[in-house]
């Protein structure tokens, strides 16, 4: 059954609980729990205006037609695999201890400006509750100074966050919502409009907004990564990473959640 360890692993897990107090889940156990994808229905890209579409069908290639392929970085760049996931095959960034710099996914620079949408499906095996980041975007000026960033992950046992910061103004903004359960798929979308208002959606439903004052950005470089930010890491299984260089409307986010790309 999907999301449930098979009986062969129960004695091993019980032993680890007794020895360590908490199980460590490795690649074999994760793969064994992925019996079937949640859906085999392909994404509808017919009218898509996305700048990146990563479906992870045994490849890191961009399916948007823009050739914005992803790459794997870190000290252990072989610690990833394509496993049965949300929509057919998904990308597993295996980082069981959530170690910074271990393995992460990066995209080409400057795919978006101050207005954008970032969206993805994710499943987390073990949450890093110290601000561990699944997705991270960094905006820098020509001198390399951070103008701002966007980061998503967990900061406690109960809260999922979208953190937005205008670095030059020292202006922090957080949107908090209920933390998705470990071992369950969830869909994240964050939009940023031209006036600097960020909106977070989980599973197609709006969770909150924050005025970041990002309208003053003049970023020379915009970097995007998955699996960590500058301080913390978050191992995860990813699917359907989609990025736009504009803010989607609420109805477009609903379509995106349903697998229909605006």
Protein backbone atom coordinates (compact mmCIF):
# COMPACT_ATOMS: atom_id res chain seq x y z
CA UNK A 1 0.00 0.00 0.00
CA UNK A 2 1.20 3.47 -0.86
CA UNK A 3 2.67 5.40 2.08
CA UNK A 4 2.78 2.31 4.34
CA UNK A 5 5.92 0.24 5.04
CA UNK A 6 5.62 -3.41 4.04
CA UNK A 7 5.61 -5.98 6.84
CA UNK A 8 9.15 -7.15 6.00
CA UNK A 9 10.51 -3.90 7.35
CA UNK A 10 8.58 -3.80 10.63
CA UNK A 11 11.16 -5.75 12.70
CA UNK A 12 13.97 -3.59 11.38
CA UNK A 13 12.12 -0.38 12.15
CA UNK A 14 11.19 -1.62 15.62
CA UNK A 15 14.84 -2.42 16.33
CA UNK A 16 15.90 1.07 15.23
CA UNK A 17 13.25 2.67 17.42
CA UNK A 18 14.54 0.79 20.44
CA UNK A 19 18.16 1.62 19.62
CA UNK A 20 17.84 5.21 18.46
CA UNK A 21 14.39 6.40 19.52
CA UNK A 22 13.46 7.30 15.91
CA UNK A 23 13.58 5.28 12.68
CA UNK A 24 15.91 6.24 9.86
CA UNK A 25 14.24 5.58 6.52
CA UNK A 26 16.50 4.74 3.60
CA UNK A 27 16.06 4.48 -0.14
CA UNK A 28 14.98 0.81 -0.13
CA UNK A 29 12.17 1.41 2.38
CA UNK A 30 10.94 4.48 0.50
CA UNK A 31 10.94 2.69 -2.83
CA UNK A 32 9.15 -0.31 -1.31
CA UNK A 33 6.37 1.98 -0.07
CA UNK A 34 5.78 3.45 -3.55
CA UNK A 35 3.63 0.70 -5.04
CA UNK A 36 1.62 2.90 -7.39
CA UNK A 37 1.57 6.53 -8.51
CA UNK A 38 -1.27 8.67 -7.21
CA UNK A 39 -2.29 9.43 -10.79
CA UNK A 40 -1.16 8.36 -14.24
CA UNK A 41 -3.02 11.19 -15.97
CA UNK A 42 -0.41 13.32 -17.79
CA UNK A 43 -0.12 17.04 -17.24
CA UNK A 44 -2.10 19.12 -19.74
CA UNK A 45 0.46 21.48 -21.27
CA UNK A 46 -1.74 22.50 -24.21
CA UNK A 47 -2.00 26.19 -23.24
CA UNK A 48 0.93 26.36 -20.86
CA UNK A 49 2.92 29.59 -20.54
CA UNK A 50 5.27 28.16 -17.88
CA UNK A 51 8.99 28.85 -18.16
CA UNK A 52 9.83 25.51 -16.49
CA UNK A 53 7.95 22.20 -16.31
CA UNK A 54 9.81 19.33 -14.61
CA UNK A 55 7.81 16.11 -14.65
CA UNK A 56 10.77 13.89 -13.63
CA UNK A 57 9.82 11.06 -15.95
CA UNK A 58 13.26 9.50 -15.49
CA UNK A 59 14.87 12.76 -16.56
CA UNK A 60 15.76 16.25 -15.30
CA UNK A 61 14.84 17.80 -18.63
CA UNK A 62 12.44 20.73 -18.87
CA UNK A 63 9.17 19.88 -20.68
CA UNK A 64 8.08 23.51 -21.18
CA UNK A 65 9.96 23.77 -24.48
CA UNK A 66 12.32 26.39 -23.03
CA UNK A 67 15.24 24.02 -22.36
CA UNK A 68 15.54 25.10 -18.72
CA UNK A 69 16.82 21.72 -17.57
CA UNK A 70 17.58 21.06 -13.90
CA UNK A 71 20.86 19.83 -12.44
CA UNK A 72 21.83 18.02 -9.25
CA UNK A 73 24.39 19.54 -6.88
CA UNK A 74 25.90 18.86 -3.47
CA UNK A 75 28.61 16.75 -1.88
CA UNK A 76 26.65 13.58 -2.69
CA UNK A 77 25.18 14.29 -6.14
CA UNK A 78 24.45 10.60 -6.73
CA UNK A 79 21.98 10.58 -3.82
CA UNK A 80 18.92 10.97 -6.00
CA UNK A 81 16.74 8.57 -7.92
CA UNK A 82 13.59 8.39 -9.97
CA UNK A 83 10.96 6.39 -8.12
CA UNK A 84 7.23 5.75 -8.45
CA UNK A 85 5.62 8.91 -7.18
CA UNK A 86 2.78 11.36 -7.55
CA UNK A 87 2.37 11.33 -11.33
CA UNK A 88 4.14 8.25 -12.65
CA UNK A 89 7.83 8.85 -11.82
CA UNK A 90 9.09 11.39 -9.25
CA UNK A 91 12.47 12.70 -8.14
CA UNK A 92 13.71 11.50 -4.74
CA UNK A 93 16.35 13.75 -3.15
CA UNK A 94 17.61 11.29 -0.57
CA UNK A 95 18.90 13.23 2.42
CA UNK A 96 17.76 11.20 5.47
CA UNK A 97 19.60 13.41 7.96
CA UNK A 98 18.64 16.67 6.20
CA UNK A 99 22.30 17.64 5.89
CA UNK A 100 23.06 21.03 4.31
CA UNK A 101 24.97 20.76 1.04
CA UNK A 102 24.39 17.01 0.68
CA UNK A 103 22.13 16.86 -2.39
CA UNK A 104 19.85 19.44 -4.03
CA UNK A 105 18.25 20.43 -7.33
CA UNK A 106 19.09 23.70 -9.10
CA UNK A 107 17.61 25.53 -12.08
CA UNK A 108 19.19 28.03 -14.48
CA UNK A 109 19.47 31.59 -13.13
CA UNK A 110 17.14 34.46 -14.00
CA UNK A 111 14.08 32.47 -15.00
CA UNK A 112 11.78 34.98 -13.29
CA UNK A 113 11.70 38.57 -12.14
CA UNK A 114 9.91 40.23 -9.26
CA UNK A 115 6.57 38.73 -10.33
CA UNK A 116 6.41 34.92 -10.46
CA UNK A 117 4.70 31.67 -9.50
CA UNK A 118 6.51 28.63 -8.10
CA UNK A 119 4.61 25.36 -7.76
CA UNK A 120 5.36 21.69 -7.02
CA UNK A 121 4.14 18.44 -5.53
CA UNK A 122 6.17 17.11 -2.60
CA UNK A 123 6.32 14.29 -0.10
CA UNK A 124 8.61 14.47 2.94
CA UNK A 125 9.81 11.35 4.76
CA UNK A 126 11.29 13.13 7.80
CA UNK A 127 10.60 16.82 8.37
CA UNK A 128 13.47 19.10 9.33
CA UNK A 129 11.70 21.27 11.90
CA UNK A 130 14.49 23.89 12.07
CA UNK A 131 13.36 25.89 9.03
CA UNK A 132 14.30 23.08 6.66
CA UNK A 133 13.62 24.28 3.11
CA UNK A 134 12.04 22.32 0.26
CA UNK A 135 12.16 25.23 -2.20
CA UNK A 136 14.30 28.37 -2.14
CA UNK A 137 14.64 31.42 -4.39
CA UNK A 138 17.34 34.06 -3.91
CA UNK A 139 17.31 37.54 -5.46
CA UNK A 140 20.68 39.35 -5.61
CA UNK A 141 21.77 42.78 -6.84
CA UNK A 142 24.72 43.36 -9.18
CA UNK A 143 27.10 43.45 -6.22
CA UNK A 144 25.95 40.07 -4.91
CA UNK A 145 23.99 41.52 -1.99
CA UNK A 146 20.75 39.70 -1.29
CA UNK A 147 17.73 41.79 -2.07
CA UNK A 148 15.32 39.13 -0.95
CA UNK A 149 14.38 35.48 -0.89
CA UNK A 150 11.47 33.07 -0.82
CA UNK A 151 11.69 29.77 1.07
CA UNK A 152 9.24 26.96 1.89
CA UNK A 153 9.42 24.25 4.54
CA UNK A 154 8.81 23.42 8.20
CA UNK A 155 9.78 25.43 11.26
CA UNK A 156 8.11 23.23 13.88
CA UNK A 157 6.24 19.98 14.28
CA UNK A 158 3.00 21.72 13.32
CA UNK A 159 3.73 24.58 10.88
CA UNK A 160 4.54 24.84 7.19
CA UNK A 161 5.89 28.22 6.17
CA UNK A 162 6.42 30.45 3.17
CA UNK A 163 9.12 32.89 4.24
CA UNK A 164 9.64 36.04 2.20
CA UNK A 165 12.32 38.57 3.03
CA UNK A 166 13.29 41.93 1.60
CA UNK A 167 16.90 41.75 2.72
CA UNK A 168 17.93 45.34 1.98
CA UNK A 169 14.98 46.62 4.03
CA UNK A 170 15.39 43.90 6.70
CA UNK A 171 11.70 43.17 6.19
CA UNK A 172 10.63 39.62 7.06
CA UNK A 173 7.28 38.11 6.20
CA UNK A 174 5.98 34.65 7.02
CA UNK A 175 2.84 32.82 6.00
CA UNK A 176 2.16 29.82 8.23
CA UNK A 177 -0.23 26.93 7.73
CA UNK A 178 -0.74 23.37 8.98
CA UNK A 179 2.26 21.13 8.33
CA UNK A 180 1.43 18.34 5.85
CA UNK A 181 1.88 14.89 7.33
CA UNK A 182 5.12 13.06 6.66
CA UNK A 183 4.64 10.42 3.99
CA UNK A 184 1.73 12.21 2.29
CA UNK A 185 1.75 14.09 -1.02
CA UNK A 186 0.86 17.81 -0.95
CA UNK A 187 0.82 20.58 -3.53
CA UNK A 188 2.44 23.99 -2.93
CA UNK A 189 2.00 27.15 -4.99
CA UNK A 190 3.27 30.62 -4.15
CA UNK A 191 2.57 33.64 -6.30
CA UNK A 192 4.19 37.07 -6.15
CA UNK A 193 2.43 39.90 -7.96
CA UNK A 194 3.98 43.09 -9.34
CA UNK A 195 3.00 45.06 -6.21
CA UNK A 196 4.95 42.66 -3.97
CA UNK A 197 2.04 40.70 -2.49
CA UNK A 198 2.84 37.02 -1.92
CA UNK A 199 0.06 34.42 -1.71
CA UNK A 200 0.54 30.83 -0.52
CA UNK A 201 -1.69 27.95 -1.61
CA UNK A 202 -1.64 24.37 -0.29
CA UNK A 203 -3.56 21.78 -2.32
CA UNK A 204 -5.14 24.58 -4.33
CA UNK A 205 -6.50 26.44 -1.28
CA UNK A 206 -5.26 29.90 -0.26
CA UNK A 207 -3.47 29.87 3.11
CA UNK A 208 -2.53 33.53 3.48
CA UNK A 209 -0.86 36.58 1.98
CA UNK A 210 1.98 38.93 2.83
CA UNK A 211 3.02 42.29 1.39
CA UNK A 212 6.75 41.89 0.82
CA UNK A 213 7.41 45.31 -0.75
CA UNK A 214 9.31 43.42 -3.47
CA UNK A 215 8.12 45.92 -6.06
CA UNK A 216 11.38 47.81 -5.49
CA UNK A 217 13.53 44.85 -6.54
CA UNK A 218 16.15 45.36 -9.23
CA UNK A 219 17.68 41.89 -8.90
CA UNK A 220 20.54 41.13 -11.27
CA UNK A 221 20.49 37.40 -10.43
CA UNK A 222 17.64 35.12 -9.38
CA UNK A 223 18.59 31.60 -8.27
CA UNK A 224 16.18 28.72 -7.59
CA UNK A 225 16.92 25.47 -5.77
CA UNK A 226 15.05 22.57 -4.19
CA UNK A 227 16.15 20.49 -1.22
CA UNK A 228 17.78 23.25 0.82
CA UNK A 229 18.25 26.96 1.41
CA UNK A 230 21.37 28.77 2.61
CA UNK A 231 21.05 27.49 6.18
CA UNK A 232 19.02 24.28 6.30
CA UNK A 233 18.26 21.25 4.12
CA UNK A 234 15.12 19.19 3.54
CA UNK A 235 15.15 15.84 1.81
CA UNK A 236 12.01 15.31 -0.26
CA UNK A 237 10.32 13.52 -3.13
CA UNK A 238 9.33 16.03 -5.82
CA UNK A 239 7.03 16.00 -8.82
CA UNK A 240 5.58 18.48 -11.31
CA UNK A 241 7.80 21.47 -10.54
CA UNK A 242 6.26 24.33 -12.53
CA UNK A 243 7.46 27.95 -12.60
CA UNK A 244 5.97 31.03 -14.26
CA UNK A 245 7.38 34.52 -14.74
CA UNK A 246 4.06 36.01 -13.62
CA UNK A 247 1.62 35.67 -10.75
CA UNK A 248 -1.17 33.20 -11.47
CA UNK A 249 -4.72 34.03 -10.41
CA UNK A 250 -6.57 31.93 -7.84
CA UNK A 251 -8.51 30.15 -10.60
CA UNK A 252 -5.28 29.41 -12.48
CA UNK A 253 -3.76 27.95 -9.30
CA UNK A 254 -6.83 25.72 -9.01
CA UNK A 255 -6.27 24.54 -12.59
CA UNK A 256 -2.59 23.93 -11.85
CA UNK A 257 -3.50 21.82 -8.82
CA UNK A 258 -5.76 19.77 -11.11
CA UNK A 259 -2.90 19.22 -13.57
CA UNK A 260 -4.04 21.75 -16.19
CA UNK A 261 -1.23 24.25 -16.81
CA UNK A 262 -2.27 27.83 -17.60
